[in-house]
Every structure is written in structure tokens, then in C-alpha cells.
Amino acid sequence: MSRRFVLAVDQGTTSSKAFLIDKEGNVLASKGVPLTQHYPKPGYVEHDPDEIYFSVLRAIADLLIKNKIQKGEIVSMGITNQRETTVCFDRNTLRPLYPAICWQCRRTADICKRPELKSREDEIFRKTGLKLDPYFSGTKMRYIFENKKEAYEAAVSGRCLMGTVDAYLLYRLTDKKVFATDYSNASRTLLFNINTLEYDDELLALFDVPKACLATPYPSSHDFGEIAIRGDQIPLTSEEADALELLNGVHITGIAGDQAAALFGQTCFEDGDSKTTYGTGCFTLMNVGTKPVFSKNGLLTSASWSIGGVTNYALEGSVFQGGSIISWLKDEMGLIREPSDCDRICSGLSDNGGVYFVPAFTGLGAPYWNSEVRGAVLGLTRGTGGDYIVRAGVESIAYQVALLVLLMREETGIVSREMKVDGGVCACDFLMQLQSDILGIEIKRAASDEMTATGVGFISGLTSGFYDSLDELKNIYRASHCYSPVRDTEESAKLLDGYREAVKTLLG
């Protein structure tokens, strides 16, 4: 009997990966293909759209070749992606009309301060569940149109297409036949009404974004069209091109933004189920059911997935700097050689020495939403060495996530006994134990750190019939490690209060 898999593509901020997921939920991974981040000015972050696409193709080709995949063994494909990152390109030539503006980029802070937008913040929030912030795609679209007149003219004429990374990949993978997105990605544009699940004409007018240039939104579980790759048009080796052509005719049956996909992959199907993904940033999501819950304290609300005509919503808190802190400690500060050094260094200190790090490299997300503030290390003394700064950096990840979870408890009245976690930074046992101590709950780490890809693979497989039901997916889920609180409750509260005071000091 031939093997059968769902193919999942995870296009992330720093790399693109591809995965094969079998009927039992086992995951086979490609090598990660690095994606260059460009920093033309302080606070600016860009990608090359062509590099995004070709990195995805290289990841898929590596996976198919390494696992000797034959024609017909791929049942369907799913796409998950870095959300909010905005791509603007020519419909016919596929030529980028502007660099892709990354979700981390803060260049649109001044646009968010404009009186015509500020005066309608409440309306924007009630319709989109989002804050008026540079994080989201609508301000990035406005920026591109104002700084590239050719792009705006092309959008009005219908020649320019603009959307999130999933829509861009879909258009290219289907040989320009389908330009579409799903509700979870559309929810992050500032243009999509999550109550009606449609683009909002008033918001389109407010941001001056022509509707004709946008991707058509559909449920996450949907047949988005079939793959049609022409190997002779791809700058890859002949072996890679031949492998990719095996996918032609396979249907793309699932799309979800990375955090919605991870929530699904963690099988957080019930109201109150929550997860945190510790990646470049950290993202805590709670399933709030089939009606949106709007926060009063800076949390966001988005459509998370839509399956069988039913849409689930999630309350979300975003930490802009998570794993990027570890990279900073390694690459810019030279305080560690490898990320794995963090466990040894942090555990080697009896306490944090009163040192706190507020990692506001590009501002602070929920609950502060301050795009102007920048990072700082506080509590330094003459005896503070590099190890204390490493520990402060690692601890700051746990503190930021804890503040989000506590807000969700306050907003929903739900106190979960556990939180599921995934992402590469979860490999730090010190961090996971501290997270458990501060929140006073069990932290359940998934057996695979690739829950984003697993989630969209599950969605694609449900749509294509590879998987039968949500119950089947629940039975597939496996945890690799569980962390229970061991620290004194009062001591844990004191640590978190110290971080709160550090932020207050920084904000003045």
C-alpha cells in the first residue's frame, strides 16, 4: 500500500519549512530554508517577496526528495504563514511592487497617529477586534500606496494585488488562478469585519485601500484550488523542479495564520482552551467559542478557524519579542554561544539579582500597546555580570506571557488548569518551569514543536477527508513534558511584580 500524507507549508518570519503529516499525526520535516530580514532603517523590517516564495519551494523540494515521495502520495496541502506581513505585487508579471513589510515593522507608527484614524479607534476595534497599531496590515497597505504611487494606480486599475503571505503563495502556487485568503489572516488586516466575516466598506474607505486588490476571504477549511507549478520557470535544480512537479493537481484545502493554526494543532477545540507559541514572538490564544469576545484591556480578537460553516474566535495577546531575545543575547550581545546555554546559565544563578529586562525592541504589545518605547535593562549594580542579563532576558519572556494569561482570566472569568505550549523556545526548561510557577498551572509541552504546521495539516486533512473528525485529532495529540508549579506562590508573585515595576519605570 502506498504511503499517504498531508503536506503542510509553514512560512515564518525567519525561515520557511515544509512537513509531511501522516494519519497518526507523525511529522516529517524539511530543512529550514532561511529567510533574510532587511532593516533599512531603525524599526523597519522587510522581506523580499521572491525570496519568500522560492524559500517555500526549496523547503518543499527538500522534503519530497529526502522522503522519496511518489506521485499520488500527497493527499492535500495546507498553508500557514507569518500573519500581518504585507506583499504588494503585479498580477500579471508577479514582480514585487514594494518589499514585503514584515509584521514586526513599526514604520507606520505616524500613520496610526493621524486624527482621522485616531478618532475612529473604537469603531475599528468593534469591527475588527484589533488595535490601531503598526502591527497590522491595513496601515502597511496605506504606507505602500502613499510611498509608491505606481502601486496605488495599479491597485485602482486591478493590476496590483496586495495581501498577506498566504494569499501571495496561493496565487503563485496555483499559477495565478486563485488569489484568496482565510478568515484568520483576513482578521489581521484592519479591513475585515469579524462580526460579518467580510471586508468592511467603511474601513476600506478609511484606509483608502481598493477592494479589487485584496484577496477573497474564505473559511480556513476550503478548497482553494490545485497546485500548478511549472518547473522550467523556477530557479532551482532539475531534481528540485522534478520533485515539485509531483504536486501538480494536488488541492490546497487549508489555510490559517500561524497562531490560529497552532491553536488548532494543540487541539484547543473547547471554550477556554489556551496555548502559547514561543517563537520569534510569543502568542497566547484562548478559544472563546463561536461568538467574538471583545477585550477591555488591550487583548485582540480574531476569527481563528471556520470549519463546517462554524467559525471559532480567539482572544489573543501578542508578545513582540520572544525567541528574538535569545537571538539578541547570542548575536548582538555575545553572551551565549548557543540558545541551549540559557538553561545552564539561568539555573546556575540562585536568583535574578534584581535585574529585569524589558525587551521593547520595537515597542510593547498587549496590554501596553506602546510603539514608541524602547528596551531597557533595569536594576544593574556594580556586581551585575553577563549571566544576570541572560537570565533577565529569559525571564522577561515568561513575565510577558504571564501578563497576557492573567488578562485573559480577567476578561473571560475562565481559570484554566493547564496551558499547552509549543515553539522552539520551549526547549528551555528553566523558562517553562518559571512559566508554570508564575501562573500556578500545569504547562503541557507538545511532543512536536511544529504545532503550527500540524494545525494547518489537520485542517487540510479534515477538508480532504484524510482525517474524519475533531475527536480523531484529539486522540492524536501527544505531550512530551509537563511542568507543575514548584516555587512558592508569594515568591512567584514578587518576581512578576518586579517586572511590572520595571515596565512602569520605562513608561514613566
Protein backbone atom coordinates (compact mmCIF):
# COMPACT_ATOMS: atom_id res chain seq x y z
CA MET A 1 0.00 0.00 0.00
CA SER A 2 1.36 3.41 -0.91
CA ARG A 3 2.06 5.97 1.77
CA ARG A 4 -0.33 8.90 2.18
CA PHE A 5 0.41 12.29 3.71
CA VAL A 6 -0.88 15.81 4.07
CA LEU A 7 1.72 18.40 3.07
CA ALA A 8 1.93 21.47 5.31
CA VAL A 9 3.92 24.59 4.49
CA ASP A 10 4.92 26.91 7.34
CA GLN A 11 6.20 30.20 6.01
CA GLY A 12 7.64 32.01 9.02
CA THR A 13 9.43 35.23 9.85
CA THR A 14 12.96 33.88 9.69
CA SER A 15 12.58 30.68 7.64
CA SER A 16 10.28 28.54 5.54
CA LYS A 17 9.67 24.87 6.30
CA ALA A 18 7.60 22.04 4.87
CA PHE A 19 6.19 18.98 6.62
CA LEU A 20 4.60 15.65 5.84
CA ILE A 21 1.91 14.60 8.33
CA ASP A 22 0.57 11.06 8.33
CA LYS A 23 -2.71 9.57 9.54
CA GLU A 24 -1.35 9.13 13.09
CA GLY A 25 -0.14 12.74 13.27
CA ASN A 26 3.56 11.89 12.89
CA VAL A 27 5.50 14.76 11.39
CA LEU A 28 8.40 14.61 8.92
CA ALA A 29 10.22 17.91 8.45
CA SER A 30 12.25 19.53 5.71
CA LYS A 31 15.32 21.51 6.48
CA GLY A 32 14.50 25.10 7.31
CA VAL A 33 15.31 27.48 4.48
CA PRO A 34 16.45 30.80 5.98
CA LEU A 35 14.62 33.98 5.04
CA THR A 36 16.61 37.21 5.06
CA GLN A 37 15.28 40.05 7.18
CA HIS A 38 16.20 43.50 5.92
CA TYR A 39 16.47 46.50 8.24
CA PRO A 40 16.67 49.61 6.01
CA LYS A 41 16.10 51.95 8.98
CA PRO A 42 15.73 51.58 12.75
CA GLY A 43 12.38 49.93 13.44
CA TYR A 44 11.92 48.92 9.78
CA VAL A 45 11.74 45.22 8.86
CA GLU A 46 11.30 43.93 5.28
CA HIS A 47 11.42 40.73 3.23
CA ASP A 48 11.96 40.09 -0.47
CA PRO A 49 8.69 38.55 -1.79
CA ASP A 50 10.52 36.46 -4.38
CA GLU A 51 12.79 35.08 -1.67
CA ILE A 52 9.71 34.18 0.40
CA TYR A 53 8.25 32.17 -2.48
CA PHE A 54 11.43 30.44 -3.52
CA SER A 55 12.31 29.58 0.08
CA VAL A 56 8.96 27.77 0.28
CA LEU A 57 9.66 25.87 -2.93
CA ARG A 58 13.12 24.85 -1.74
CA ALA A 59 11.71 23.62 1.56
CA ILE A 60 9.03 21.56 -0.20
CA ALA A 61 11.52 20.14 -2.69
CA ASP A 62 13.93 19.15 0.09
CA LEU A 63 11.11 17.36 1.92
CA LEU A 64 9.86 15.47 -1.13
CA ILE A 65 13.33 14.41 -2.25
CA LYS A 66 14.50 13.38 1.23
CA ASN A 67 11.42 11.20 1.76
CA LYS A 68 11.33 9.85 -1.82
CA ILE A 69 7.73 10.92 -2.32
CA GLN A 70 5.95 9.50 -5.33
CA LYS A 71 3.06 10.84 -7.37
CA GLY A 72 -0.23 10.41 -5.54
CA GLU A 73 1.18 10.10 -2.02
CA ILE A 74 0.26 13.70 -1.14
CA VAL A 75 -3.48 13.84 -0.41
CA SER A 76 -3.78 17.60 0.08
CA MET A 77 -1.81 20.64 1.17
CA GLY A 78 -2.19 23.34 3.80
CA ILE A 79 -0.50 26.74 4.15
CA THR A 80 0.25 28.56 7.38
CA ASN A 81 2.14 31.81 7.50
CA GLN A 82 3.51 34.77 9.38
CA ARG A 83 0.47 36.99 9.72
CA GLU A 84 0.17 40.73 9.00
CA THR A 85 3.26 40.77 6.76
CA THR A 86 2.07 42.50 3.59
CA VAL A 87 3.03 41.74 0.00
CA CYS A 88 2.30 44.01 -2.97
CA PHE A 89 2.91 42.66 -6.47
CA ASP A 90 1.90 42.82 -10.13
CA ARG A 91 -0.97 40.49 -11.01
CA ASN A 92 0.48 39.54 -14.39
CA THR A 93 4.27 39.65 -14.05
CA LEU A 94 4.37 38.69 -10.32
CA ARG A 95 7.00 41.40 -9.92
CA PRO A 96 7.03 42.85 -6.40
CA LEU A 97 5.96 46.49 -6.43
CA TYR A 98 7.40 47.05 -2.96
CA PRO A 99 9.36 44.99 -0.42
CA ALA A 100 7.16 42.87 1.84
CA ILE A 101 6.62 44.84 5.05
CA CYS A 102 7.06 42.46 7.98
CA TRP A 103 4.62 42.24 10.89
CA GLN A 104 7.43 43.42 13.17
CA CYS A 105 7.93 46.66 11.22
CA ARG A 106 6.98 49.88 13.02
CA ARG A 107 7.31 52.32 10.12
CA THR A 108 3.59 53.10 10.11
CA ALA A 109 3.50 54.49 13.67
CA ASP A 110 2.92 58.02 12.35
CA ILE A 111 0.01 56.84 10.20
CA CYS A 112 -1.63 55.44 13.33
CA LYS A 113 -1.42 58.88 14.97
CA ARG A 114 -3.40 60.65 12.25
CA PRO A 115 -6.53 62.33 13.65
CA GLU A 116 -8.83 60.82 11.02
CA LEU A 117 -7.78 57.34 12.19
CA LYS A 118 -7.40 58.04 15.92
CA SER A 119 -10.92 59.47 16.07
CA ARG A 120 -12.33 56.15 14.86
CA GLU A 121 -10.32 53.75 17.02
CA ASP A 122 -13.41 52.50 18.84
CA GLU A 123 -15.19 51.74 15.56
CA ILE A 124 -12.11 49.94 14.23
CA PHE A 125 -11.94 47.82 17.39
CA ARG A 126 -15.66 46.95 17.42
CA LYS A 127 -15.48 45.77 13.82
CA THR A 128 -12.05 44.14 13.65
CA GLY A 129 -11.19 43.21 17.24
CA LEU A 130 -7.81 44.91 16.66
CA LYS A 131 -5.97 47.93 17.97
CA LEU A 132 -4.92 50.74 15.66
CA ASP A 133 -1.27 49.74 15.56
CA PRO A 134 1.60 49.42 13.03
CA TYR A 135 1.46 45.66 13.65
CA PHE A 136 -1.49 45.16 11.31
CA SER A 137 -1.69 45.03 7.53
CA GLY A 138 -4.04 47.95 6.85
CA THR A 139 -1.52 50.58 7.92
CA LYS A 140 1.19 48.84 5.90
CA MET A 141 -1.03 48.92 2.80
CA ARG A 142 -1.68 52.62 3.33
CA TYR A 143 2.07 53.24 3.66
CA ILE A 144 2.90 51.39 0.45
CA PHE A 145 0.26 53.28 -1.52
CA GLU A 146 1.48 56.64 -0.23
CA ASN A 147 5.12 55.87 -0.92
CA LYS A 148 4.71 54.05 -4.23
CA LYS A 149 2.25 55.85 -6.49
CA GLU A 150 2.70 53.18 -9.14
CA ALA A 151 1.30 50.63 -6.69
CA TYR A 152 -1.80 52.68 -5.92
CA GLU A 153 -2.52 53.35 -9.59
CA ALA A 154 -2.07 49.64 -10.31
CA ALA A 155 -4.44 48.76 -7.46
CA VAL A 156 -7.14 51.05 -8.79
CA SER A 157 -6.77 49.56 -12.27
CA GLY A 158 -6.80 46.00 -10.93
CA ARG A 159 -3.22 45.24 -11.93
CA CYS A 160 -1.84 45.28 -8.39
CA LEU A 161 -2.62 42.58 -5.83
CA MET A 162 -1.98 43.12 -2.15
CA GLY A 163 -2.34 40.70 0.70
CA THR A 164 -0.84 38.59 3.43
CA VAL A 165 1.77 35.94 2.70
CA ASP A 166 -0.73 33.08 2.42
CA ALA A 167 -2.58 34.81 -0.41
CA TYR A 168 0.66 35.60 -2.22
CA LEU A 169 1.86 31.99 -2.00
CA LEU A 170 -1.53 30.65 -3.09
CA TYR A 171 -1.56 32.89 -6.16
CA ARG A 172 1.86 31.72 -7.25
CA LEU A 173 1.34 28.05 -6.41
CA THR A 174 -1.89 27.94 -8.45
CA ASP A 175 -0.19 29.65 -11.41
CA LYS A 176 -2.12 32.92 -10.94
CA LYS A 177 -5.54 31.26 -10.86
CA VAL A 178 -6.55 31.90 -7.23
CA PHE A 179 -5.97 34.96 -5.05
CA ALA A 180 -7.65 34.18 -1.76
CA THR A 181 -7.09 34.14 1.99
CA ASP A 182 -8.82 32.68 5.01
CA TYR A 183 -10.75 34.38 7.81
CA SER A 184 -7.89 34.08 10.32
CA ASN A 185 -5.49 36.01 8.09
CA ALA A 186 -8.10 38.47 6.88
CA SER A 187 -8.85 39.16 10.56
CA ARG A 188 -5.40 40.74 10.90
CA THR A 189 -5.72 43.37 8.17
CA LEU A 190 -7.77 46.07 9.98
CA LEU A 191 -10.09 45.90 6.97
CA PHE A 192 -12.12 42.78 7.84
CA ASN A 193 -15.26 42.84 9.97
CA ILE A 194 -15.10 39.77 12.19
CA ASN A 195 -18.80 40.05 13.02
CA THR A 196 -19.90 39.74 9.39
CA LEU A 197 -16.80 37.89 8.06
CA GLU A 198 -16.48 40.34 5.18
CA TYR A 199 -14.29 43.29 4.26
CA ASP A 200 -15.87 46.43 5.66
CA ASP A 201 -16.53 49.15 3.08
CA GLU A 202 -16.18 51.93 5.64
CA LEU A 203 -12.79 50.65 6.77
CA LEU A 204 -11.63 50.23 3.19
CA ALA A 205 -12.55 53.88 2.59
CA LEU A 206 -10.87 54.97 5.84
CA PHE A 207 -7.55 53.35 4.91
CA ASP A 208 -8.11 54.11 1.19
CA VAL A 209 -7.47 50.53 0.09
CA PRO A 210 -9.22 49.48 -3.16
CA LYS A 211 -11.17 46.28 -2.55
CA ALA A 212 -10.24 45.00 -6.02
CA CYS A 213 -6.62 44.47 -4.97
CA LEU A 214 -7.44 42.31 -1.94
CA ALA A 215 -7.58 38.53 -1.61
CA THR A 216 -11.04 36.95 -1.38
CA PRO A 217 -11.66 35.63 2.17
CA TYR A 218 -12.90 32.06 2.72
CA PRO A 219 -13.20 29.66 5.68
CA SER A 220 -9.92 28.03 6.74
CA SER A 221 -11.34 24.67 5.66
CA HIS A 222 -11.93 25.27 1.95
CA ASP A 223 -10.77 24.02 -1.43
CA PHE A 224 -8.52 26.89 -2.50
CA GLY A 225 -7.59 25.34 -5.85
CA GLU A 226 -4.98 23.00 -7.25
CA ILE A 227 -1.24 23.36 -7.45
CA ALA A 228 0.19 24.14 -10.88
CA ILE A 229 3.96 24.57 -10.69
CA ARG A 230 5.99 25.00 -13.88
CA GLY A 231 9.45 23.69 -13.14
CA ASP A 232 11.09 25.44 -16.06
CA GLN A 233 10.23 28.82 -14.53
CA ILE A 234 11.81 28.16 -11.16
CA PRO A 235 15.48 28.97 -10.34
CA LEU A 236 16.09 25.57 -8.75
CA THR A 237 17.99 22.42 -9.65
CA SER A 238 16.42 19.97 -12.09
CA GLU A 239 15.95 17.45 -9.25
CA GLU A 240 14.09 20.03 -7.17
CA ALA A 241 11.95 21.09 -10.12
CA ASP A 242 11.04 17.47 -10.90
CA ALA A 243 10.07 16.87 -7.27
CA LEU A 244 7.84 19.95 -7.20
CA GLU A 245 6.02 18.92 -10.36
CA LEU A 246 4.82 15.82 -8.46
CA LEU A 247 2.48 18.20 -6.61
CA ASN A 248 0.66 19.41 -9.69
CA GLY A 249 -3.02 18.65 -9.35
CA VAL A 250 -2.91 18.40 -5.55
CA HIS A 251 -5.50 20.67 -3.95
CA ILE A 252 -4.73 23.25 -1.28
CA THR A 253 -7.52 22.60 1.23
CA GLY A 254 -6.47 24.52 4.31
CA ILE A 255 -5.10 27.96 5.12
CA ALA A 256 -4.66 29.51 8.56
CA GLY A 257 -2.48 32.20 10.07
CA ASP A 258 0.31 30.74 12.16
CA GLN A 259 -1.21 31.34 15.59
CA ALA A 260 -4.70 30.14 14.68
CA ALA A 261 -3.09 27.06 13.15
CA ALA A 262 -1.09 26.39 16.32
CA LEU A 263 -4.24 26.71 18.46
CA PHE A 264 -5.90 24.12 16.23
CA GLY A 265 -2.84 21.88 16.22
CA GLN A 266 -2.86 21.91 20.01
CA THR A 267 -6.46 20.63 19.76
CA CYS A 268 -7.80 23.60 21.73
CA PHE A 269 -11.28 22.96 20.39
CA GLU A 270 -13.29 23.82 23.55
CA ASP A 271 -14.17 27.21 25.03
CA GLY A 272 -11.40 28.29 27.39
CA ASP A 273 -8.70 26.06 25.91
CA SER A 274 -5.48 28.05 25.52
CA LYS A 275 -1.99 27.76 24.10
CA THR A 276 1.17 29.82 23.80
CA THR A 277 3.58 29.56 20.91
CA TYR A 278 7.11 30.62 21.83
CA GLY A 279 8.69 31.61 18.55
CA THR A 280 10.30 34.83 17.32
CA GLY A 281 7.44 36.44 19.22
CA CYS A 282 5.15 34.80 21.75
CA PHE A 283 1.45 34.44 21.07
CA THR A 284 -1.11 33.39 23.65
CA LEU A 285 -4.55 32.46 22.34
CA MET A 286 -7.70 31.33 24.09
CA ASN A 287 -10.61 29.74 22.26
CA VAL A 288 -13.67 31.83 23.23
CA GLY A 289 -16.21 29.92 21.17
CA THR A 290 -18.41 30.85 18.24
CA LYS A 291 -19.04 34.49 19.22
CA PRO A 292 -16.28 37.12 19.42
CA VAL A 293 -15.34 38.40 22.87
CA PHE A 294 -14.05 41.98 22.84
CA SER A 295 -11.40 42.89 25.38
CA LYS A 296 -11.40 45.98 27.57
CA ASN A 297 -7.72 45.63 28.41
CA GLY A 298 -5.78 45.59 25.17
CA LEU A 299 -6.22 41.98 24.05
CA LEU A 300 -7.19 41.24 20.47
CA THR A 301 -10.00 39.17 18.99
CA SER A 302 -9.76 37.32 15.68
CA ALA A 303 -11.51 34.57 13.79
CA SER A 304 -9.33 31.54 14.46
CA TRP A 305 -10.80 28.95 12.11
CA SER A 306 -14.01 28.15 10.28
CA ILE A 307 -14.94 24.54 9.65
CA GLY A 308 -18.27 23.09 8.54
CA GLY A 309 -19.88 26.51 8.50
CA VAL A 310 -18.95 27.23 12.13
CA THR A 311 -16.41 29.93 12.96
CA ASN A 312 -14.46 29.88 16.21
CA TYR A 313 -12.91 33.02 17.66
CA ALA A 314 -9.85 33.51 19.82
CA LEU A 315 -8.79 36.11 22.34
CA GLU A 316 -5.13 36.87 21.74
CA GLY A 317 -2.23 38.58 23.36
CA SER A 318 0.94 39.21 21.40
CA VAL A 319 4.47 39.48 22.75
CA PHE A 320 6.63 41.00 20.01
CA GLN A 321 9.93 39.70 21.40
CA GLY A 322 10.26 36.08 22.46
CA GLY A 323 12.85 33.89 20.76
CA SER A 324 14.28 37.07 19.25
CA ILE A 325 15.55 37.89 22.76
CA ILE A 326 17.60 34.69 22.74
CA SER A 327 18.96 35.64 19.30
CA TRP A 328 19.86 39.09 20.63
CA LEU A 329 21.70 37.62 23.60
CA LYS A 330 23.67 35.43 21.18
CA ASP A 331 24.24 37.54 18.08
CA GLU A 332 24.30 41.15 19.26
CA MET A 333 25.44 40.79 22.88
CA GLY A 334 27.67 37.72 22.57
CA LEU A 335 26.56 36.50 26.00
CA ILE A 336 25.74 32.96 24.86
CA ARG A 337 27.17 30.75 22.13
CA GLU A 338 24.09 28.63 21.59
CA PRO A 339 20.43 29.01 22.70
CA SER A 340 20.91 25.86 24.79
CA ASP A 341 23.36 27.82 27.00
CA CYS A 342 20.41 29.66 28.55
CA ASP A 343 19.34 26.74 30.74
CA ARG A 344 22.80 26.27 32.21
CA ILE A 345 23.35 29.97 32.84
CA CYS A 346 19.93 30.66 34.34
CA SER A 347 19.97 27.61 36.59
CA GLY A 348 23.49 28.45 37.72
CA LEU A 349 22.29 31.61 39.47
CA SER A 350 20.46 31.44 42.79
CA ASP A 351 18.21 34.37 41.82
CA ASN A 352 17.90 37.13 39.24
CA GLY A 353 19.87 39.66 41.30
CA GLY A 354 17.05 42.17 40.97
CA VAL A 355 17.82 42.60 37.27
CA TYR A 356 14.88 42.97 34.87
CA PHE A 357 14.89 43.34 31.11
CA VAL A 358 12.02 45.00 29.25
CA PRO A 359 12.53 43.80 25.64
CA ALA A 360 10.79 46.63 23.80
CA PHE A 361 12.99 46.43 20.69
CA THR A 362 10.06 47.52 18.51
CA GLY A 363 7.67 48.74 21.19
CA LEU A 364 5.36 46.82 23.51
CA GLY A 365 2.26 44.85 22.53
CA ALA A 366 -0.60 43.83 24.81
CA PRO A 367 -1.50 45.05 27.34
CA TYR A 368 0.53 48.24 26.84
CA TRP A 369 0.38 48.87 23.08
CA ASN A 370 3.12 51.46 23.04
CA SER A 371 5.01 51.54 19.75
CA GLU A 372 7.36 54.33 20.83
CA VAL A 373 9.02 52.84 23.91
CA ARG A 374 12.33 51.02 23.50
CA GLY A 375 14.02 48.30 25.52
CA ALA A 376 15.98 48.66 28.73
CA VAL A 377 17.77 46.64 31.40
CA LEU A 378 16.96 47.82 34.93
CA GLY A 379 18.33 47.01 38.38
CA LEU A 380 22.00 46.96 37.40
CA THR A 381 24.63 47.13 40.13
CA ARG A 382 28.42 47.02 40.07
CA GLY A 383 28.19 43.28 40.66
CA THR A 384 25.91 42.58 37.70
CA GLY A 385 27.58 40.32 35.15
CA GLY A 386 26.54 39.00 31.78
CA ASP A 387 24.87 35.91 33.24
CA TYR A 388 22.33 38.08 35.05
CA ILE A 389 21.44 39.81 31.80
CA VAL A 390 20.95 36.41 30.15
CA ARG A 391 18.64 35.36 32.97
CA ALA A 392 16.76 38.65 32.83
CA GLY A 393 16.24 38.15 29.10
CA VAL A 394 14.89 34.63 29.52
CA GLU A 395 12.71 35.61 32.49
CA SER A 396 11.22 38.52 30.52
CA ILE A 397 9.63 36.02 28.12
CA ALA A 398 7.77 34.31 30.98
CA TYR A 399 6.68 37.61 32.51
CA GLN A 400 5.25 38.93 29.27
CA VAL A 401 3.26 35.75 28.65
CA ALA A 402 2.03 35.68 32.26
CA LEU A 403 0.57 39.18 31.95
CA LEU A 404 -1.39 38.08 28.90
CA VAL A 405 -2.79 34.95 30.56
CA LEU A 406 -3.82 36.91 33.66
CA LEU A 407 -5.65 39.40 31.45
CA MET A 408 -7.50 36.59 29.71
CA ARG A 409 -8.59 35.22 33.06
CA GLU A 410 -9.93 38.64 33.97
CA GLU A 411 -11.71 39.12 30.64
CA THR A 412 -13.38 35.70 30.47
CA GLY A 413 -13.63 34.58 34.07
CA ILE A 414 -12.04 31.29 33.00
CA VAL A 415 -9.11 29.97 35.01
CA SER A 416 -7.68 27.04 33.09
CA ARG A 417 -5.76 24.36 34.94
CA GLU A 418 -3.30 23.97 32.10
CA MET A 419 -1.80 25.75 29.11
CA LYS A 420 -0.43 23.96 26.08
CA VAL A 421 2.80 25.30 24.63
CA ASP A 422 4.90 24.85 21.52
CA GLY A 423 7.72 26.52 19.63
CA GLY A 424 11.49 26.27 19.66
CA VAL A 425 11.96 28.35 22.82
CA CYS A 426 10.05 25.68 24.79
CA ALA A 427 13.30 23.71 24.78
CA CYS A 428 14.40 25.95 27.66
CA ASP A 429 13.34 24.00 30.76
CA PHE A 430 14.14 26.93 33.04
CA LEU A 431 11.71 29.14 31.13
CA MET A 432 8.92 26.56 31.10
CA GLN A 433 9.27 25.87 34.83
CA LEU A 434 9.23 29.59 35.61
CA GLN A 435 6.12 29.98 33.46
CA SER A 436 4.38 27.24 35.43
CA ASP A 437 5.42 28.78 38.75
CA ILE A 438 4.25 32.28 37.92
CA LEU A 439 0.86 31.19 36.56
CA GLY A 440 0.33 28.42 39.08
CA ILE A 441 -0.84 25.97 36.42
CA GLU A 442 0.48 22.94 34.53
CA ILE A 443 2.39 23.74 31.36
CA LYS A 444 1.98 20.96 28.80
CA ARG A 445 4.60 20.94 26.06
CA ALA A 446 3.58 19.30 22.81
CA ALA A 447 5.60 16.32 21.62
CA SER A 448 6.30 18.28 18.44
CA ASP A 449 7.31 21.92 18.40
CA GLU A 450 5.80 22.19 14.93
CA MET A 451 2.19 22.64 16.03
CA THR A 452 1.65 25.49 13.57
CA ALA A 453 2.29 23.16 10.64
CA THR A 454 0.44 20.33 12.38
CA GLY A 455 -2.62 22.54 12.82
CA VAL A 456 -2.92 23.58 9.21
CA GLY A 457 -2.19 19.99 8.19
CA PHE A 458 -5.11 18.88 10.37
CA ILE A 459 -7.37 21.50 8.78
CA SER A 460 -6.33 20.50 5.27
CA GLY A 461 -6.77 16.82 6.13
CA LEU A 462 -10.26 17.36 7.53
CA THR A 463 -11.27 19.17 4.34
CA SER A 464 -9.83 16.50 2.04
CA GLY A 465 -11.21 13.61 4.09
CA PHE A 466 -7.79 12.40 5.24
CA TYR A 467 -9.00 12.87 8.83
CA ASP A 468 -12.54 12.07 9.90
CA SER A 469 -13.31 14.27 12.89
CA LEU A 470 -12.12 16.56 15.67
CA ASP A 471 -12.30 13.60 18.05
CA GLU A 472 -9.80 11.72 15.92
CA LEU A 473 -7.44 14.70 16.09
CA LYS A 474 -7.78 14.91 19.88
CA ASN A 475 -6.68 11.31 20.15
CA ILE A 476 -3.63 12.06 18.00
CA TYR A 477 -2.32 14.84 20.30
CA ARG A 478 0.68 13.91 22.45
CA ALA A 479 2.63 15.85 25.08
CA SER A 480 6.37 15.43 25.62
CA HIS A 481 6.71 17.06 29.02
CA CYS A 482 4.55 18.62 31.72
CA TYR A 483 5.74 21.28 34.18
CA SER A 484 3.92 21.75 37.50
CA PRO A 485 4.42 24.67 39.93
CA VAL A 486 7.22 24.16 42.46
CA ARG A 487 8.02 27.72 43.55
CA ASP A 488 6.34 29.40 46.50
CA THR A 489 3.27 31.38 45.37
CA GLU A 490 4.37 34.55 47.16
CA GLU A 491 7.84 34.35 45.64
CA SER A 492 6.36 33.93 42.15
CA ALA A 493 4.08 36.93 42.61
CA LYS A 494 7.03 39.03 43.79
CA LEU A 495 9.00 38.19 40.64
CA LEU A 496 6.14 39.24 38.37
CA ASP A 497 5.58 42.42 40.37
CA GLY A 498 9.23 43.27 39.83
CA TYR A 499 8.74 43.07 36.07
CA ARG A 500 5.59 45.23 36.27
CA GLU A 501 7.56 47.88 38.14
CA ALA A 502 10.32 47.76 35.54
CA VAL A 503 7.79 48.42 32.77
CA LYS A 504 6.23 51.26 34.75
CA THR A 505 9.65 52.82 35.19
CA LEU A 506 10.34 52.59 31.48
CA LEU A 507 6.96 54.06 30.54
CA GLY A 508 7.37 56.85 33.04
